[in-house]
Amino acid sequence: MKKLAFIFTLLAGCTAQQSSSPVPLVQACDGYRVAFAAALQARNEGKLNQTQINTITLADENVYPLCTGNLVSIGDAELTLIHTTTDKLLGAVK
């Protein structure tokens, strides 16, 4: 019986970690999507040079998997990466 109680406690702890609010990640990814859309529009209008295009491509390769993957596995470091990359994207478009 003690083993069963221990297993339920363990499972409850795992469930609690997985149900943490994904709101900060969703907000960060929404900001990234807006910045990426602006960069893509600028690229399509021929307003970006090759260095800017390379910066945007690298940014997308790093952030896209985070914003389309499992929301539970994202930590503070990944969230910071999304914010930093969004800032870089906006800087590349200017």
Protein backbone atom coordinates (compact mmCIF):
# COMPACT_ATOMS: atom_id res chain seq x y z
CA MET A 1 0.00 0.00 0.00
CA LYS A 2 2.88 2.37 0.80
CA LYS A 3 4.38 1.68 -2.64
CA LEU A 4 1.08 2.51 -4.30
CA ALA A 5 0.79 5.77 -2.35
CA PHE A 6 4.36 6.64 -3.30
CA ILE A 7 3.66 5.99 -6.99
CA PHE A 8 0.54 8.18 -6.89
CA THR A 9 2.53 10.95 -5.19
CA LEU A 10 5.21 10.69 -7.87
CA LEU A 11 2.65 10.78 -10.65
CA ALA A 12 0.89 13.76 -9.10
CA GLY A 13 4.20 15.60 -9.00
CA CYS A 14 4.85 14.87 -12.67
CA THR A 15 1.36 15.98 -13.61
CA ALA A 16 1.77 19.20 -11.67
CA GLN A 17 4.99 19.99 -13.56
CA GLN A 18 3.41 19.27 -16.92
CA SER A 19 0.36 21.41 -16.30
CA SER A 20 2.33 24.59 -15.68
CA SER A 21 0.96 27.57 -17.55
CA PRO A 22 2.24 27.85 -21.12
CA VAL A 23 1.08 31.49 -21.31
CA PRO A 24 4.59 33.08 -21.27
CA LEU A 25 5.72 30.73 -24.03
CA VAL A 26 2.62 31.35 -26.12
CA GLN A 27 3.10 35.11 -25.74
CA ALA A 28 6.79 34.89 -26.65
CA CYS A 29 6.04 32.74 -29.69
CA ASP A 30 3.26 35.10 -30.78
CA GLY A 31 5.72 37.99 -30.61
CA TYR A 32 8.21 35.97 -32.61
CA ARG A 33 5.60 35.14 -35.25
CA VAL A 34 4.77 38.83 -35.67
CA ALA A 35 8.46 39.73 -36.01
CA PHE A 36 9.05 36.86 -38.44
CA ALA A 37 6.06 37.90 -40.56
CA ALA A 38 7.42 41.46 -40.75
CA ALA A 39 10.85 40.11 -41.73
CA LEU A 40 9.32 37.85 -44.35
CA GLN A 41 7.34 40.76 -45.81
CA ALA A 42 10.47 42.92 -45.94
CA ARG A 43 12.33 40.08 -47.66
CA ASN A 44 9.56 39.57 -50.21
CA GLU A 45 9.62 43.30 -50.95
CA GLY A 46 13.38 43.12 -51.60
CA LYS A 47 14.26 45.33 -48.63
CA LEU A 48 16.78 42.96 -47.03
CA ASN A 49 20.36 42.19 -47.94
CA GLN A 50 21.86 38.70 -47.78
CA THR A 51 23.28 39.19 -44.27
CA GLN A 52 19.84 40.14 -42.97
CA ILE A 53 18.25 37.17 -44.73
CA ASN A 54 20.88 34.84 -43.21
CA THR A 55 20.17 36.28 -39.73
CA ILE A 56 16.45 35.69 -40.17
CA THR A 57 16.98 32.16 -41.48
CA LEU A 58 19.22 31.25 -38.53
CA ALA A 59 16.74 32.77 -36.09
CA ASP A 60 13.91 30.74 -37.56
CA GLU A 61 15.94 27.53 -37.41
CA ASN A 62 16.48 28.11 -33.68
CA VAL A 63 13.06 29.31 -32.60
CA TYR A 64 10.61 27.48 -34.87
CA PRO A 65 11.18 24.09 -33.18
CA LEU A 66 10.65 25.65 -29.75
CA CYS A 67 7.39 27.34 -30.74
CA THR A 68 5.98 24.28 -32.48
CA GLY A 69 7.17 21.61 -30.05
CA ASN A 70 6.00 20.36 -26.69
CA LEU A 71 5.08 23.35 -24.54
CA VAL A 72 5.86 21.48 -21.34
CA SER A 73 9.53 20.98 -22.11
CA ILE A 74 10.35 24.68 -22.52
CA GLY A 75 12.31 26.28 -19.71
CA ASP A 76 13.49 29.78 -18.89
CA ALA A 77 16.57 29.47 -21.09
CA GLU A 78 14.48 28.62 -24.14
CA LEU A 79 12.03 31.41 -23.35
CA THR A 80 14.94 33.86 -23.15
CA LEU A 81 16.22 32.55 -26.49
CA ILE A 82 12.85 33.25 -28.10
CA HIS A 83 12.80 36.81 -26.72
CA THR A 84 16.40 37.48 -27.75
CA THR A 85 15.85 36.05 -31.21
CA THR A 86 12.72 38.15 -31.66
CA ASP A 87 14.75 41.25 -30.81
CA LYS A 88 17.42 40.22 -33.32
CA LEU A 89 14.76 39.68 -35.99
CA LEU A 90 13.35 43.15 -35.40
CA GLY A 91 16.87 44.58 -35.54
CA ALA A 92 17.59 42.81 -38.82
CA VAL A 93 14.49 44.26 -40.44
CA LYS A 94 15.26 47.88 -39.48
